[in-house]
């Protein structure tokens, strides 16, 4: 499983401004991934979201995790804003070791938990590369 650098945030009102990198980071959910003996476990930190508005999709070897807020989502006149509940999309490249048919997800306590099972016998092998 590989992190795809082409992940993108949606709905960035400051695109093109000097602060666009800062604002974009507010609208991208943080992700932690760890490996167990039989799966990769992805934790998407997205508190305050509505479970039914998440979307997970596997297209070929790419897993996309996205969130679209409901229509009419309140947008207060912020004085200080360090967190956003806006939409986002993250993409990850799946290698041949992932069982795409048995990926599962659940949203608990503000964290979307995605389980990516490893196909038995297909675990990636580690190879050290010698630098000349």
N, C-alpha and C. Protein backbone atom coordinates (compact mmCIF):
# COMPACT_ATOMS: atom_id res chain seq x y z
N UNK A 1 0.85 -1.17 0.00
CA UNK A 1 0.00 0.00 0.00
C UNK A 1 0.89 1.22 0.00
N UNK A 2 0.58 2.17 -0.85
CA UNK A 2 1.40 3.35 -1.00
C UNK A 2 0.55 4.60 -0.91
N UNK A 3 1.08 5.64 -0.30
CA UNK A 3 0.41 6.94 -0.25
C UNK A 3 0.60 7.63 -1.59
N UNK A 4 -0.46 8.12 -2.15
CA UNK A 4 -0.42 8.78 -3.45
C UNK A 4 -0.30 10.28 -3.23
N UNK A 5 0.76 10.90 -3.69
CA UNK A 5 0.98 12.33 -3.48
C UNK A 5 -0.04 13.20 -4.18
N UNK A 6 -0.92 12.63 -5.00
CA UNK A 6 -1.89 13.44 -5.72
C UNK A 6 -3.16 13.67 -4.92
N UNK A 7 -3.13 13.45 -3.61
CA UNK A 7 -4.32 13.69 -2.81
C UNK A 7 -4.69 15.17 -2.92
N UNK A 8 -5.99 15.47 -2.82
CA UNK A 8 -6.43 16.84 -3.03
C UNK A 8 -7.52 17.21 -2.05
N UNK A 9 -7.57 18.47 -1.70
CA UNK A 9 -8.66 19.00 -0.88
C UNK A 9 -9.67 19.65 -1.82
N UNK A 10 -10.95 19.58 -1.46
CA UNK A 10 -11.99 20.20 -2.26
C UNK A 10 -12.51 21.43 -1.54
N UNK A 11 -13.01 22.37 -2.30
CA UNK A 11 -13.69 23.51 -1.72
C UNK A 11 -12.75 24.53 -1.10
N UNK A 12 -11.55 24.69 -1.63
CA UNK A 12 -10.60 25.63 -1.06
C UNK A 12 -10.91 27.04 -1.53
N UNK A 13 -11.42 27.87 -0.65
CA UNK A 13 -11.80 29.24 -0.99
C UNK A 13 -10.59 30.13 -1.21
N UNK A 14 -9.40 29.70 -0.79
CA UNK A 14 -8.21 30.54 -0.87
C UNK A 14 -7.25 30.06 -1.95
N UNK A 15 -7.72 29.29 -2.91
CA UNK A 15 -6.84 28.79 -3.95
C UNK A 15 -6.17 29.96 -4.67
N UNK A 16 -4.87 29.86 -4.83
CA UNK A 16 -4.12 30.89 -5.52
C UNK A 16 -3.63 32.00 -4.61
N UNK A 17 -4.07 32.06 -3.39
CA UNK A 17 -3.60 33.10 -2.48
C UNK A 17 -2.32 32.65 -1.80
N UNK A 18 -1.68 33.58 -1.12
CA UNK A 18 -0.44 33.26 -0.42
C UNK A 18 -0.69 32.25 0.69
N UNK A 19 -1.91 32.19 1.19
CA UNK A 19 -2.22 31.28 2.28
C UNK A 19 -2.83 29.98 1.80
N UNK A 20 -2.88 29.73 0.50
CA UNK A 20 -3.59 28.55 0.00
C UNK A 20 -3.05 27.25 0.57
N UNK A 21 -1.75 27.10 0.74
CA UNK A 21 -1.21 25.87 1.31
C UNK A 21 -1.68 25.66 2.73
N UNK A 22 -1.75 26.74 3.50
CA UNK A 22 -2.22 26.67 4.87
C UNK A 22 -3.70 26.31 4.91
N UNK A 23 -4.51 26.99 4.12
CA UNK A 23 -5.94 26.73 4.14
C UNK A 23 -6.26 25.33 3.60
N UNK A 24 -5.52 24.89 2.58
CA UNK A 24 -5.77 23.57 2.03
C UNK A 24 -5.55 22.51 3.10
N UNK A 25 -4.54 22.69 3.95
CA UNK A 25 -4.26 21.69 4.97
C UNK A 25 -5.39 21.61 5.98
N UNK A 26 -6.15 22.69 6.15
CA UNK A 26 -7.28 22.65 7.07
C UNK A 26 -8.40 21.76 6.55
N UNK A 27 -8.48 21.59 5.24
CA UNK A 27 -9.58 20.84 4.66
C UNK A 27 -9.17 19.44 4.22
N UNK A 28 -8.01 18.99 4.62
CA UNK A 28 -7.58 17.64 4.28
C UNK A 28 -7.52 16.83 5.56
N UNK A 29 -8.27 15.75 5.61
CA UNK A 29 -8.29 14.92 6.81
C UNK A 29 -6.95 14.22 6.99
N UNK A 30 -6.46 14.21 8.21
CA UNK A 30 -5.21 13.53 8.53
C UNK A 30 -5.43 12.02 8.49
N UNK A 31 -4.41 11.30 8.02
CA UNK A 31 -4.50 9.85 7.89
C UNK A 31 -3.28 9.20 8.53
N UNK A 32 -3.52 8.18 9.33
CA UNK A 32 -2.46 7.33 9.85
C UNK A 32 -2.72 5.92 9.33
N UNK A 33 -1.65 5.21 8.95
CA UNK A 33 -1.78 3.84 8.47
C UNK A 33 -0.77 2.98 9.22
N UNK A 34 -1.26 1.85 9.70
CA UNK A 34 -0.34 0.89 10.31
C UNK A 34 -0.61 -0.50 9.76
N UNK A 35 0.36 -1.37 9.89
CA UNK A 35 0.25 -2.72 9.35
C UNK A 35 0.16 -3.72 10.49
N UNK A 36 -0.77 -4.67 10.33
CA UNK A 36 -0.87 -5.79 11.25
C UNK A 36 -0.35 -7.02 10.50
N UNK A 37 -0.45 -8.18 11.10
CA UNK A 37 0.03 -9.39 10.45
C UNK A 37 -0.82 -9.77 9.23
N UNK A 38 -2.08 -9.29 9.17
CA UNK A 38 -2.93 -9.69 8.04
C UNK A 38 -3.66 -8.53 7.36
N UNK A 39 -3.30 -7.29 7.68
CA UNK A 39 -3.98 -6.15 7.03
C UNK A 39 -3.22 -4.85 7.23
N UNK A 40 -3.59 -3.87 6.43
CA UNK A 40 -3.22 -2.49 6.69
C UNK A 40 -4.44 -1.84 7.30
N UNK A 41 -4.25 -1.04 8.32
CA UNK A 41 -5.35 -0.35 8.97
C UNK A 41 -5.16 1.15 8.78
N UNK A 42 -6.14 1.78 8.17
CA UNK A 42 -6.08 3.21 7.88
C UNK A 42 -7.05 3.93 8.81
N UNK A 43 -6.56 4.98 9.46
CA UNK A 43 -7.38 5.80 10.34
C UNK A 43 -7.45 7.19 9.73
N UNK A 44 -8.66 7.59 9.31
CA UNK A 44 -8.88 8.91 8.72
C UNK A 44 -9.53 9.76 9.80
N UNK A 45 -8.80 10.77 10.28
CA UNK A 45 -9.28 11.59 11.38
C UNK A 45 -10.19 12.68 10.81
N UNK A 46 -11.49 12.52 11.03
CA UNK A 46 -12.48 13.42 10.43
C UNK A 46 -13.65 13.63 11.40
N UNK A 47 -13.39 14.26 12.55
CA UNK A 47 -14.47 14.47 13.52
C UNK A 47 -15.52 15.45 13.00
N UNK A 48 -16.73 15.29 13.51
CA UNK A 48 -17.81 16.21 13.17
C UNK A 48 -18.44 15.96 11.82
N UNK A 49 -18.07 14.87 11.15
CA UNK A 49 -18.65 14.56 9.85
C UNK A 49 -19.86 13.65 10.02
N UNK A 50 -20.61 13.47 8.95
CA UNK A 50 -21.78 12.60 8.93
C UNK A 50 -21.41 11.35 8.15
N UNK A 51 -21.57 10.20 8.77
CA UNK A 51 -21.13 8.92 8.21
C UNK A 51 -21.62 8.71 6.78
N UNK A 52 -22.85 9.05 6.50
CA UNK A 52 -23.44 8.79 5.18
C UNK A 52 -22.84 9.65 4.06
N UNK A 53 -22.06 10.66 4.41
CA UNK A 53 -21.48 11.54 3.40
C UNK A 53 -20.03 11.19 3.04
N UNK A 54 -19.50 10.10 3.64
CA UNK A 54 -18.20 9.58 3.24
C UNK A 54 -18.39 8.71 1.99
N UNK A 55 -17.36 8.65 1.17
CA UNK A 55 -17.41 7.78 -0.01
C UNK A 55 -16.05 7.12 -0.17
N UNK A 56 -16.05 5.80 -0.25
CA UNK A 56 -14.83 5.04 -0.52
C UNK A 56 -15.01 4.34 -1.85
N UNK A 57 -13.97 4.38 -2.68
CA UNK A 57 -14.07 3.82 -4.01
C UNK A 57 -12.72 3.23 -4.40
N UNK A 58 -12.75 2.03 -4.97
CA UNK A 58 -11.54 1.42 -5.52
C UNK A 58 -11.69 1.39 -7.03
N UNK A 59 -10.76 2.04 -7.71
CA UNK A 59 -10.75 2.07 -9.17
C UNK A 59 -9.38 1.58 -9.62
N UNK A 60 -9.34 0.36 -10.11
CA UNK A 60 -8.05 -0.26 -10.46
C UNK A 60 -7.23 -0.46 -9.21
N UNK A 61 -6.07 0.20 -9.16
CA UNK A 61 -5.22 0.06 -7.97
C UNK A 61 -5.25 1.31 -7.09
N UNK A 62 -6.28 2.17 -7.26
CA UNK A 62 -6.36 3.39 -6.46
C UNK A 62 -7.57 3.37 -5.54
N UNK A 63 -7.31 3.62 -4.25
CA UNK A 63 -8.37 3.76 -3.26
C UNK A 63 -8.58 5.25 -3.01
N UNK A 64 -9.81 5.72 -3.17
CA UNK A 64 -10.14 7.11 -2.88
C UNK A 64 -11.06 7.15 -1.67
N UNK A 65 -10.74 8.05 -0.75
CA UNK A 65 -11.57 8.29 0.43
C UNK A 65 -11.97 9.75 0.35
N UNK A 66 -13.28 10.01 0.34
CA UNK A 66 -13.72 11.40 0.22
C UNK A 66 -14.91 11.67 1.13
N UNK A 67 -15.14 12.95 1.33
CA UNK A 67 -16.28 13.40 2.13
C UNK A 67 -16.85 14.65 1.47
N UNK A 68 -18.16 14.66 1.31
CA UNK A 68 -18.86 15.82 0.78
C UNK A 68 -19.88 16.27 1.81
N UNK A 69 -19.76 17.50 2.33
CA UNK A 69 -20.72 17.95 3.33
C UNK A 69 -22.12 18.09 2.72
N UNK A 70 -23.14 17.96 3.54
CA UNK A 70 -24.50 18.09 3.02
C UNK A 70 -24.79 19.51 2.55
N UNK A 71 -25.77 19.65 1.64
CA UNK A 71 -26.20 20.97 1.18
C UNK A 71 -26.73 21.75 2.38
N UNK A 72 -26.52 23.05 2.36
CA UNK A 72 -27.01 23.89 3.45
C UNK A 72 -26.17 23.80 4.71
N UNK A 73 -24.96 23.26 4.59
CA UNK A 73 -24.06 23.13 5.73
C UNK A 73 -23.77 24.54 6.27
N UNK A 74 -23.97 24.79 7.56
CA UNK A 74 -23.79 26.16 8.08
C UNK A 74 -22.34 26.64 7.95
N UNK A 75 -22.19 27.88 7.54
CA UNK A 75 -20.86 28.50 7.40
C UNK A 75 -20.85 29.80 8.19
N UNK A 76 -20.50 29.72 9.46
CA UNK A 76 -20.49 30.92 10.31
C UNK A 76 -19.44 31.92 9.84
N UNK A 77 -19.55 33.14 10.32
CA UNK A 77 -18.56 34.18 10.07
C UNK A 77 -17.46 33.98 11.12
N UNK A 78 -16.44 33.17 10.76
CA UNK A 78 -15.41 32.76 11.70
C UNK A 78 -14.57 33.94 12.17
N UNK A 79 -14.25 33.97 13.45
CA UNK A 79 -13.28 34.90 14.01
C UNK A 79 -11.91 34.22 14.00
N UNK A 80 -11.87 32.96 14.44
CA UNK A 80 -10.67 32.12 14.38
C UNK A 80 -11.13 30.77 13.84
N UNK A 81 -10.40 30.25 12.89
CA UNK A 81 -10.78 28.96 12.32
C UNK A 81 -9.53 28.10 12.17
N UNK A 82 -9.40 27.07 13.02
CA UNK A 82 -8.26 26.16 12.98
C UNK A 82 -8.66 24.76 12.54
N UNK A 83 -9.93 24.57 12.29
CA UNK A 83 -10.44 23.25 11.93
C UNK A 83 -11.58 23.43 10.94
N UNK A 84 -11.70 22.53 9.99
CA UNK A 84 -12.77 22.59 9.02
C UNK A 84 -13.47 21.25 8.93
N UNK A 85 -14.77 21.29 8.79
CA UNK A 85 -15.54 20.06 8.57
C UNK A 85 -15.93 19.95 7.10
N UNK A 86 -15.21 20.63 6.23
CA UNK A 86 -15.52 20.65 4.82
C UNK A 86 -15.17 19.35 4.11
N UNK A 87 -15.38 19.36 2.82
CA UNK A 87 -15.13 18.19 2.01
C UNK A 87 -13.64 17.96 1.77
N UNK A 88 -13.29 16.73 1.46
CA UNK A 88 -11.91 16.38 1.14
C UNK A 88 -11.91 15.13 0.29
N UNK A 89 -10.78 14.89 -0.35
CA UNK A 89 -10.56 13.65 -1.08
C UNK A 89 -9.10 13.26 -0.90
N UNK A 90 -8.87 12.01 -0.53
CA UNK A 90 -7.52 11.47 -0.38
C UNK A 90 -7.44 10.23 -1.26
N UNK A 91 -6.29 10.02 -1.90
CA UNK A 91 -6.10 8.87 -2.78
C UNK A 91 -4.87 8.09 -2.34
N UNK A 92 -4.97 6.76 -2.47
CA UNK A 92 -3.90 5.87 -2.07
C UNK A 92 -3.76 4.78 -3.13
N UNK A 93 -2.53 4.42 -3.45
CA UNK A 93 -2.27 3.37 -4.42
C UNK A 93 -2.18 2.04 -3.69
N UNK A 94 -2.97 1.07 -4.15
CA UNK A 94 -2.97 -0.26 -3.56
C UNK A 94 -2.08 -1.17 -4.39
N UNK A 95 -1.22 -1.91 -3.72
CA UNK A 95 -0.40 -2.86 -4.47
C UNK A 95 -1.13 -4.19 -4.59
N UNK A 96 -0.47 -5.17 -5.20
CA UNK A 96 -1.12 -6.46 -5.49
C UNK A 96 -1.35 -7.30 -4.23
N UNK A 97 -0.85 -6.88 -3.09
CA UNK A 97 -1.04 -7.66 -1.87
C UNK A 97 -2.38 -7.39 -1.19
N UNK A 98 -3.10 -6.33 -1.60
CA UNK A 98 -4.36 -5.95 -0.96
C UNK A 98 -5.53 -6.70 -1.57
N UNK A 99 -6.38 -7.28 -0.72
CA UNK A 99 -7.61 -7.97 -1.14
C UNK A 99 -8.70 -6.91 -1.32
N UNK A 100 -8.82 -6.37 -2.54
CA UNK A 100 -9.74 -5.27 -2.82
C UNK A 100 -11.20 -5.63 -2.57
N UNK A 101 -11.56 -6.90 -2.69
CA UNK A 101 -12.95 -7.33 -2.53
C UNK A 101 -13.40 -7.35 -1.07
N UNK A 102 -12.47 -7.32 -0.12
CA UNK A 102 -12.82 -7.45 1.29
C UNK A 102 -12.44 -6.24 2.14
N UNK A 103 -12.27 -5.08 1.51
CA UNK A 103 -12.00 -3.86 2.25
C UNK A 103 -13.25 -3.48 3.03
N UNK A 104 -13.08 -3.12 4.28
CA UNK A 104 -14.22 -2.71 5.11
C UNK A 104 -13.93 -1.37 5.76
N UNK A 105 -15.00 -0.68 6.18
CA UNK A 105 -14.84 0.62 6.83
C UNK A 105 -15.94 0.84 7.84
N UNK A 106 -15.60 1.61 8.89
CA UNK A 106 -16.60 2.04 9.88
C UNK A 106 -16.18 3.40 10.41
N UNK A 107 -17.15 4.18 10.83
CA UNK A 107 -16.91 5.52 11.35
C UNK A 107 -17.27 5.53 12.83
N UNK A 108 -16.25 5.67 13.69
CA UNK A 108 -16.45 5.60 15.14
C UNK A 108 -15.71 6.77 15.80
N UNK A 109 -16.42 7.53 16.62
CA UNK A 109 -15.83 8.61 17.41
C UNK A 109 -14.99 9.57 16.57
N UNK A 110 -15.49 9.93 15.38
CA UNK A 110 -14.80 10.90 14.54
C UNK A 110 -13.65 10.36 13.73
N UNK A 111 -13.48 9.04 13.73
CA UNK A 111 -12.39 8.43 12.97
C UNK A 111 -12.99 7.39 12.00
N UNK A 112 -12.70 7.57 10.71
CA UNK A 112 -13.09 6.57 9.72
C UNK A 112 -12.00 5.50 9.73
N UNK A 113 -12.39 4.27 10.08
CA UNK A 113 -11.44 3.17 10.19
C UNK A 113 -11.60 2.27 8.97
N UNK A 114 -10.57 2.19 8.14
CA UNK A 114 -10.61 1.39 6.92
C UNK A 114 -9.64 0.23 7.08
N UNK A 115 -10.16 -0.99 6.90
CA UNK A 115 -9.32 -2.18 7.01
C UNK A 115 -9.06 -2.72 5.61
N UNK A 116 -7.79 -2.86 5.27
CA UNK A 116 -7.36 -3.33 3.95
C UNK A 116 -6.65 -4.67 4.12
N UNK A 117 -7.40 -5.77 3.97
CA UNK A 117 -6.79 -7.08 4.21
C UNK A 117 -5.72 -7.44 3.19
N UNK A 118 -4.70 -8.13 3.68
CA UNK A 118 -3.61 -8.61 2.83
C UNK A 118 -3.96 -10.03 2.37
N UNK A 119 -3.76 -10.29 1.08
CA UNK A 119 -4.00 -11.62 0.54
C UNK A 119 -2.94 -12.57 1.10
N UNK A 120 -3.36 -13.66 1.78
CA UNK A 120 -2.38 -14.59 2.34
C UNK A 120 -1.41 -15.09 1.28
N UNK A 121 -0.12 -15.07 1.62
CA UNK A 121 0.91 -15.52 0.70
C UNK A 121 1.38 -14.45 -0.27
N UNK A 122 0.74 -13.28 -0.25
CA UNK A 122 1.12 -12.20 -1.17
C UNK A 122 1.84 -11.06 -0.46
N UNK A 123 2.21 -11.25 0.80
CA UNK A 123 2.87 -10.20 1.54
C UNK A 123 4.10 -9.72 0.77
N UNK A 124 4.29 -8.42 0.77
CA UNK A 124 5.44 -7.84 0.08
C UNK A 124 6.72 -8.29 0.77
N UNK A 125 7.72 -8.58 -0.02
CA UNK A 125 8.99 -8.97 0.55
C UNK A 125 9.88 -7.75 0.65
N UNK A 126 10.70 -7.75 1.66
CA UNK A 126 11.61 -6.64 1.87
C UNK A 126 12.93 -6.95 1.18
N UNK A 127 13.44 -5.98 0.43
CA UNK A 127 14.70 -6.15 -0.26
C UNK A 127 15.56 -4.92 -0.01
N UNK A 128 16.77 -5.14 0.45
CA UNK A 128 17.69 -4.02 0.67
C UNK A 128 18.39 -3.71 -0.64
N UNK A 129 18.47 -2.41 -0.94
CA UNK A 129 19.13 -1.96 -2.16
C UNK A 129 20.51 -1.42 -1.75
N UNK A 130 21.54 -1.95 -2.36
CA UNK A 130 22.90 -1.52 -2.08
C UNK A 130 23.19 -0.28 -2.90
N UNK A 131 23.71 0.76 -2.25
CA UNK A 131 24.06 2.00 -2.93
C UNK A 131 25.52 1.93 -3.35
N UNK A 132 25.77 2.09 -4.61
CA UNK A 132 27.15 2.02 -5.14
C UNK A 132 27.79 3.38 -5.15
